[in-house]
């Protein structure tokens, strides 16, 4: 039987699988969604207008992926730094059992 803490740690370990793709990967992914035809034949040609447009969209996707990764990192109490105060308040720490004065961020 596993404890609640062990279950949260397993979830946290899986959370690290979140990957922020490169600009090239995102551009190729977007290009793959465009249909193959005369209009989109330059979607894989560097320097073409359609490739440049997809590249700009890919940069925006990277910004959103980083934002999602930051949110995911702050979601779990074992990986949070920014939202640590909220987690402590939700768990009612400090109290008579847990003292956090003079304790480092890693120990908290």
Protein backbone atom coordinates (compact mmCIF):
# COMPACT_ATOMS: atom_id res chain seq x y z
CA UNK A 1 0.00 0.00 0.00
CA UNK A 2 1.39 3.41 -0.93
CA UNK A 3 1.03 6.62 1.00
CA UNK A 4 -0.48 9.84 -0.25
CA UNK A 5 3.01 11.39 -0.41
CA UNK A 6 4.29 8.50 -2.56
CA UNK A 7 1.35 8.93 -4.93
CA UNK A 8 2.03 12.67 -5.27
CA UNK A 9 5.73 11.99 -5.93
CA UNK A 10 4.80 9.54 -8.73
CA UNK A 11 2.55 12.15 -10.31
CA UNK A 12 5.32 14.74 -9.93
CA UNK A 13 7.86 12.47 -11.64
CA UNK A 14 5.50 12.04 -14.60
CA UNK A 15 5.04 15.81 -14.75
CA UNK A 16 8.69 16.27 -15.70
CA UNK A 17 7.89 14.68 -19.08
CA UNK A 18 6.50 18.04 -20.25
CA UNK A 19 8.71 19.12 -23.15
CA UNK A 20 9.06 22.51 -24.76
CA UNK A 21 9.68 21.85 -28.44
CA UNK A 22 12.16 23.69 -30.62
CA UNK A 23 11.10 26.25 -33.20
CA UNK A 24 11.93 23.80 -35.99
CA UNK A 25 9.88 21.01 -34.41
CA UNK A 26 6.87 23.27 -33.94
CA UNK A 27 7.19 24.66 -37.47
CA UNK A 28 7.29 21.15 -38.93
CA UNK A 29 4.33 20.14 -36.80
CA UNK A 30 2.30 23.08 -38.07
CA UNK A 31 3.35 22.37 -41.65
CA UNK A 32 2.16 18.78 -41.31
CA UNK A 33 -1.35 20.05 -40.62
CA UNK A 34 -1.52 21.94 -43.89
CA UNK A 35 -2.91 19.96 -46.80
CA UNK A 36 -0.60 18.99 -49.62
CA UNK A 37 -1.36 20.93 -52.72
CA UNK A 38 -0.17 23.70 -54.99
CA UNK A 39 -0.96 26.40 -52.42
CA UNK A 40 1.10 24.81 -49.65
CA UNK A 41 3.90 23.17 -51.60
CA UNK A 42 6.49 25.54 -50.05
CA UNK A 43 5.57 24.67 -46.46
CA UNK A 44 8.87 22.77 -45.97
CA UNK A 45 11.08 25.15 -48.01
CA UNK A 46 13.22 27.44 -45.83
CA UNK A 47 12.84 31.09 -46.71
CA UNK A 48 9.42 30.74 -48.31
CA UNK A 49 6.67 33.04 -47.11
CA UNK A 50 4.50 30.24 -45.82
CA UNK A 51 7.46 28.72 -43.91
CA UNK A 52 8.23 32.12 -42.36
CA UNK A 53 4.59 32.47 -41.30
CA UNK A 54 4.61 29.00 -39.73
CA UNK A 55 7.87 29.86 -37.96
CA UNK A 56 6.27 32.90 -36.34
CA UNK A 57 3.36 30.75 -35.14
CA UNK A 58 5.90 28.22 -33.85
CA UNK A 59 7.58 30.91 -31.72
CA UNK A 60 4.24 31.74 -30.15
CA UNK A 61 3.71 28.04 -29.46
CA UNK A 62 7.07 27.97 -27.64
CA UNK A 63 5.99 30.91 -25.46
CA UNK A 64 2.78 29.07 -24.55
CA UNK A 65 4.62 25.80 -23.90
CA UNK A 66 7.02 27.57 -21.51
CA UNK A 67 4.07 29.15 -19.71
CA UNK A 68 2.40 25.76 -19.38
CA UNK A 69 5.65 24.22 -18.12
CA UNK A 70 5.99 26.96 -15.49
CA UNK A 71 2.41 26.37 -14.35
CA UNK A 72 3.00 22.62 -14.25
CA UNK A 73 6.17 23.11 -12.18
CA UNK A 74 4.28 25.22 -9.64
CA UNK A 75 1.30 22.86 -9.45
CA UNK A 76 2.94 20.25 -7.22
CA UNK A 77 4.26 21.01 -3.73
CA UNK A 78 7.47 19.06 -4.43
CA UNK A 79 8.47 21.25 -7.37
CA UNK A 80 7.00 24.65 -6.52
CA UNK A 81 9.00 27.70 -5.56
CA UNK A 82 6.70 30.57 -6.47
CA UNK A 83 3.54 29.07 -5.01
CA UNK A 84 5.15 27.57 -1.91
CA UNK A 85 3.42 30.09 0.36
CA UNK A 86 0.02 29.08 -1.05
CA UNK A 87 0.77 25.38 -0.52
CA UNK A 88 1.85 26.06 3.06
CA UNK A 89 -1.32 28.07 3.70
CA UNK A 90 -3.49 25.31 2.22
CA UNK A 91 -1.77 22.74 4.44
CA UNK A 92 -1.89 25.13 7.43
CA UNK A 93 1.87 25.28 7.82
CA UNK A 94 3.42 26.58 10.04
CA UNK A 95 1.62 25.30 13.10
CA UNK A 96 2.58 23.76 16.44
CA UNK A 97 4.05 20.68 14.70
CA UNK A 98 5.87 22.35 11.80
CA UNK A 99 8.15 25.32 12.31
CA UNK A 100 9.53 26.99 9.17
CA UNK A 101 11.41 29.94 10.67
CA UNK A 102 15.05 29.87 9.54
CA UNK A 103 14.45 26.89 7.24
CA UNK A 104 15.79 27.01 3.67
CA UNK A 105 13.56 26.80 0.61
CA UNK A 106 14.79 23.25 -0.13
CA UNK A 107 13.97 22.10 3.41
CA UNK A 108 10.53 23.66 3.22
